[in-house]
C-alpha cells in the first residue's frame, strides 16, 4: 500500500512542485511541506520523508532528522545516497529530472523519476510513489544519476545560457527576441523524432567557414560570446570528421 503520510523538507521550486504533484496524484495522502529552517519533527509521523533542499544542505538536514525506520530520501541528481546512509538505515533517492519554476504548471506524468534505495523494499516503496506521479520511473544508482545530472546541465543549463546570449544579440539589434521562439520549439521537438547527433544544422555543420568567420568578427565587442561561438563551432566541426 502506498505511503499515506509524506513529508517534504524544503521550500524551493522542487519541493513545491513535488508537493503539488503528490497532492494531485494521491489526494487521500497526508502531505506536509516542512520548513528546513524550522525542522523539529518526529520521523515516525511519516512513512516517507523527502529532503528537497540545495545539495550543500542535504547532509546537515539529514543529521537533524532523528534516527528511525522511516524512509528518508533526497531529491538531488548529483549527490550520492551514501550521504544519507551514514545515519539512516532506510534511505534512498527520489530524483525528478526537470527544471522547475514556481507558479509554472507542468505535466507531471511526463517527468522522468530516477530512484535508488538502500534495500529492495525501500526502492520498491519509492518507485511506487513515483509511479503514482509519473509514467516514467527508472532505477538509477548514484554513478548513473551523476552522469544523468551532468547530461542535463548540457541539455538545459548550458542551452538556456545560449538563449540568453541570443536574446542580448537581438535586443541590441532592435529586434524582438520572441522571434526565436518557433525556432527554439522546433529544435527541441526534433529531439523526439531524430537523434540530435544526426539533426545538426547551421554553418558549422555545413563546414561554411566563410559564415563562421563573419559571425566571429561580428562578436568582436563580445569576447565571451566570441569564445563560446568558436568552441561550439569547433565541436560541431569535429563531429563532421
Protein backbone atom coordinates (compact mmCIF):
# COMPACT_ATOMS: atom_id res chain seq x y z
CA UNK A 1 0.00 0.00 0.00
CA UNK A 2 1.32 3.44 -0.92
CA UNK A 3 2.61 5.68 1.86
CA UNK A 4 -0.23 7.76 3.27
CA UNK A 5 1.94 10.22 5.24
CA UNK A 6 4.59 12.06 3.28
CA UNK A 7 6.78 14.92 4.47
CA UNK A 8 8.74 17.14 2.10
CA UNK A 9 11.54 19.10 3.75
CA UNK A 10 12.08 22.20 1.65
CA UNK A 11 10.54 25.44 0.44
CA UNK A 12 12.07 25.80 -3.00
CA UNK A 13 10.89 25.04 -6.52
CA UNK A 14 11.43 21.27 -6.40
CA UNK A 15 9.78 20.88 -3.00
CA UNK A 16 6.78 22.98 -4.04
CA UNK A 17 6.27 21.07 -7.29
CA UNK A 18 6.64 17.70 -5.57
CA UNK A 19 4.01 18.77 -3.05
CA UNK A 20 1.69 19.72 -5.90
CA UNK A 21 2.42 16.55 -7.86
CA UNK A 22 1.87 14.18 -4.94
CA UNK A 23 -1.23 16.04 -3.80
CA UNK A 24 -2.75 15.75 -7.27
CA UNK A 25 -1.88 12.07 -7.75
CA UNK A 26 -2.63 10.94 -4.18
CA UNK A 27 -5.46 13.12 -2.90
CA UNK A 28 -6.06 10.73 0.01
CA UNK A 29 -2.48 11.05 1.31
CA UNK A 30 -1.39 13.36 4.12
CA UNK A 31 1.35 15.58 2.72
CA UNK A 32 3.25 18.17 4.71
CA UNK A 33 5.66 20.78 3.37
CA UNK A 34 8.26 21.34 6.11
CA UNK A 35 10.44 24.41 6.51
CA UNK A 36 14.07 23.16 6.70
CA UNK A 37 14.99 26.15 8.88
CA UNK A 38 12.41 25.17 11.47
CA UNK A 39 13.00 21.43 11.37
CA UNK A 40 11.57 19.89 14.52
CA UNK A 41 9.83 16.68 13.51
CA UNK A 42 9.30 13.13 14.63
CA UNK A 43 10.10 10.99 11.60
CA UNK A 44 7.79 8.28 12.91
CA UNK A 45 4.92 10.60 12.00
CA UNK A 46 5.69 9.93 8.32
CA UNK A 47 6.02 6.94 6.01
CA UNK A 48 8.40 8.77 3.70
CA UNK A 49 10.42 11.95 4.25
CA UNK A 50 11.80 13.67 1.14
CA UNK A 51 14.69 16.09 1.64
CA UNK A 52 14.36 18.66 -1.13
CA UNK A 53 16.94 21.36 -0.38
CA UNK A 54 20.07 22.64 -2.09
CA UNK A 55 22.78 19.99 -2.42
CA UNK A 56 25.09 21.61 0.12
CA UNK A 57 22.38 21.47 2.81
CA UNK A 58 21.31 17.81 2.41
CA UNK A 59 23.81 16.36 4.88
CA UNK A 60 23.03 18.99 7.53
CA UNK A 61 19.27 18.43 7.20
CA UNK A 62 19.78 14.65 7.30
CA UNK A 63 21.76 14.98 10.53
CA UNK A 64 18.90 16.90 12.18
CA UNK A 65 16.35 14.15 11.48
CA UNK A 66 16.24 11.62 14.35
CA UNK A 67 17.10 8.03 13.51
CA UNK A 68 14.04 5.89 12.81
CA UNK A 69 12.69 3.25 10.44
CA UNK A 70 11.08 5.89 8.23
CA UNK A 71 12.30 6.09 4.63
CA UNK A 72 14.46 9.20 4.19
CA UNK A 73 15.22 10.17 0.57
CA UNK A 74 16.75 13.21 -1.06
CA UNK A 75 15.80 14.60 -4.47
CA UNK A 76 19.24 15.55 -5.83
CA UNK A 77 20.73 14.32 -9.07
CA UNK A 78 24.38 14.97 -8.19
CA UNK A 79 24.55 13.78 -4.56
CA UNK A 80 25.01 10.09 -3.78
CA UNK A 81 22.80 8.06 -1.48
CA UNK A 82 25.72 7.47 0.88
CA UNK A 83 25.22 10.92 2.39
CA UNK A 84 22.02 9.56 3.95
CA UNK A 85 23.27 6.03 4.63
CA UNK A 86 25.70 7.35 7.22
CA UNK A 87 22.74 7.99 9.52
CA UNK A 88 19.55 6.41 8.16
CA UNK A 89 19.05 2.68 7.55
CA UNK A 90 16.07 3.09 5.22
CA UNK A 91 17.13 5.73 2.72
CA UNK A 92 17.14 6.47 -0.96
CA UNK A 93 17.00 8.98 -3.79
CA UNK A 94 13.84 10.31 -5.43
CA UNK A 95 15.13 12.40 -8.36
CA UNK A 96 12.77 14.12 -10.81
CA UNK A 97 14.57 15.14 -13.99
CA UNK A 98 13.04 18.50 -14.82
CA UNK A 99 13.66 22.21 -14.46
CA UNK A 100 11.14 23.66 -12.03
CA UNK A 101 9.78 27.20 -11.72
CA UNK A 102 7.35 28.28 -9.04
CA UNK A 103 3.90 29.04 -10.40
CA UNK A 104 4.51 27.28 -13.73
CA UNK A 105 2.22 24.28 -14.22
CA UNK A 106 3.81 21.06 -15.50
CA UNK A 107 2.55 17.75 -16.80
CA UNK A 108 3.99 15.61 -14.01
CA UNK A 109 3.07 12.35 -15.75
CA UNK A 110 5.83 13.00 -18.32
CA UNK A 111 8.59 13.89 -15.85
CA UNK A 112 11.12 11.03 -15.52
CA UNK A 113 11.86 9.93 -11.95
CA UNK A 114 15.10 8.14 -11.12
CA UNK A 115 15.05 6.00 -8.00
CA UNK A 116 17.64 4.41 -5.73
CA UNK A 117 17.07 2.68 -2.42
CA UNK A 118 19.14 1.18 0.38
CA UNK A 119 17.18 -2.08 0.03
CA UNK A 120 14.80 -3.69 -2.41
CA UNK A 121 11.90 -2.81 -0.11
CA UNK A 122 12.88 0.88 0.03
CA UNK A 123 13.41 1.00 -3.73
CA UNK A 124 10.01 -0.58 -4.34
CA UNK A 125 8.30 1.90 -2.00
CA UNK A 126 9.90 4.93 -3.65
CA UNK A 127 9.15 3.59 -7.14
CA UNK A 128 5.55 3.04 -6.10
CA UNK A 129 5.26 6.66 -5.00
CA UNK A 130 6.92 7.90 -8.19
CA UNK A 131 4.63 5.68 -10.25
CA UNK A 132 1.59 7.48 -8.89
CA UNK A 133 3.04 10.75 -10.21
CA UNK A 134 4.72 9.79 -13.46
CA UNK A 135 4.54 7.20 -16.21
CA UNK A 136 8.34 7.24 -16.48
CA UNK A 137 10.09 5.71 -13.47
CA UNK A 138 13.61 4.28 -13.67
CA UNK A 139 16.23 2.66 -11.45
CA UNK A 140 19.46 4.66 -11.28
CA UNK A 141 22.36 4.21 -8.90
CA UNK A 142 24.40 7.17 -7.75
CA UNK A 143 27.04 6.90 -10.50
CA UNK A 144 24.45 6.76 -13.29
CA UNK A 145 22.47 9.57 -11.71
CA UNK A 146 25.54 11.80 -11.54
CA UNK A 147 26.09 11.19 -15.27
CA UNK A 148 22.42 11.98 -15.85
CA UNK A 149 22.77 15.24 -13.95
CA UNK A 150 25.87 16.15 -15.97
CA UNK A 151 23.99 15.49 -19.20
CA UNK A 152 21.08 17.63 -18.03
CA UNK A 153 23.44 20.56 -17.41
CA UNK A 154 24.45 20.38 -21.08
CA UNK A 155 20.86 19.91 -22.29
CA UNK A 156 19.24 22.53 -20.08
CA UNK A 157 21.52 24.93 -18.21
CA UNK A 158 24.05 25.50 -20.98
CA UNK A 159 21.34 25.73 -23.63
CA UNK A 160 19.46 28.33 -21.56
CA UNK A 161 22.70 30.31 -21.22
CA UNK A 162 22.93 30.36 -25.02
CA UNK A 163 19.31 31.53 -25.22
CA UNK A 164 20.33 34.47 -23.02
CA UNK A 165 23.18 35.27 -25.41
CA UNK A 166 20.79 35.18 -28.37
CA UNK A 167 18.30 37.45 -26.55
CA UNK A 168 21.05 40.02 -25.96
CA UNK A 169 22.12 40.00 -29.60
CA UNK A 170 18.58 40.62 -30.86
CA UNK A 171 17.78 43.26 -28.26
CA UNK A 172 20.94 45.17 -29.19
CA UNK A 173 19.85 44.99 -32.84
CA UNK A 174 16.39 46.31 -32.00
CA UNK A 175 14.77 43.01 -32.93
CA UNK A 176 12.20 41.07 -30.87
CA UNK A 177 13.82 38.06 -29.11
CA UNK A 178 10.50 36.20 -29.23
CA UNK A 179 11.10 35.83 -32.97
CA UNK A 180 13.39 32.95 -31.97
CA UNK A 181 10.67 31.06 -30.09
CA UNK A 182 9.34 29.00 -33.05
CA UNK A 183 12.92 28.04 -33.93
CA UNK A 184 13.66 27.02 -30.35
CA UNK A 185 10.46 25.00 -30.07
CA UNK A 186 11.07 23.15 -33.34
CA UNK A 187 14.69 22.42 -32.40
CA UNK A 188 13.53 20.86 -29.12
CA UNK A 189 10.73 18.97 -30.88
CA UNK A 190 13.24 17.44 -33.30
CA UNK A 191 14.84 15.52 -30.42
CA UNK A 192 11.62 13.47 -30.21
CA UNK A 193 12.00 12.50 -33.88
CA UNK A 194 15.72 12.44 -34.53
CA UNK A 195 18.93 11.71 -32.65
CA UNK A 196 20.46 15.20 -32.10
CA UNK A 197 23.75 13.88 -33.44
CA UNK A 198 22.01 13.36 -36.78
CA UNK A 199 19.91 16.52 -36.77
CA UNK A 200 22.57 19.23 -36.53
CA UNK A 201 22.14 22.20 -38.88
CA UNK A 202 23.89 25.56 -39.29
CA UNK A 203 27.13 26.87 -40.79
CA UNK A 204 29.48 24.63 -38.76
CA UNK A 205 27.55 21.51 -39.72
CA UNK A 206 27.99 22.50 -43.37
CA UNK A 207 31.63 23.47 -42.96
CA UNK A 208 30.79 27.01 -44.08
CA UNK A 209 33.93 28.74 -42.78
CA UNK A 210 33.13 32.00 -44.57
CA UNK A 211 29.95 32.47 -42.49
CA UNK A 212 31.67 31.27 -39.31
CA UNK A 213 34.45 33.85 -39.65
CA UNK A 214 31.93 36.62 -40.36
CA UNK A 215 29.97 35.70 -37.23
CA UNK A 216 33.13 35.68 -35.12
CA UNK A 217 34.04 39.14 -36.46
CA UNK A 218 30.56 40.43 -35.58
CA UNK A 219 31.19 39.36 -31.97
CA UNK A 220 34.38 41.38 -31.61
CA UNK A 221 32.78 43.56 -28.92
CA UNK A 222 31.59 40.46 -27.03
CA UNK A 223 34.74 38.45 -26.27
CA UNK A 224 32.94 35.88 -24.08
CA UNK A 225 30.35 35.20 -26.76
CA UNK A 226 33.10 35.09 -29.36
CA UNK A 227 34.95 32.42 -27.37
CA UNK A 228 31.77 30.40 -26.91
CA UNK A 229 30.98 30.63 -30.62
CA UNK A 230 34.46 29.38 -31.55
CA UNK A 231 34.36 26.47 -29.08
CA UNK A 232 30.88 25.33 -30.06
CA UNK A 233 31.55 25.67 -33.77
CA UNK A 234 34.74 23.64 -33.40
CA UNK A 235 32.83 20.95 -31.51
CA UNK A 236 30.29 20.72 -34.35
CA UNK A 237 33.07 20.67 -36.94
CA UNK A 238 34.81 17.85 -35.08
CA UNK A 239 31.68 15.70 -35.40
CA UNK A 240 31.87 16.06 -39.18
CA UNK A 241 35.26 14.32 -39.31
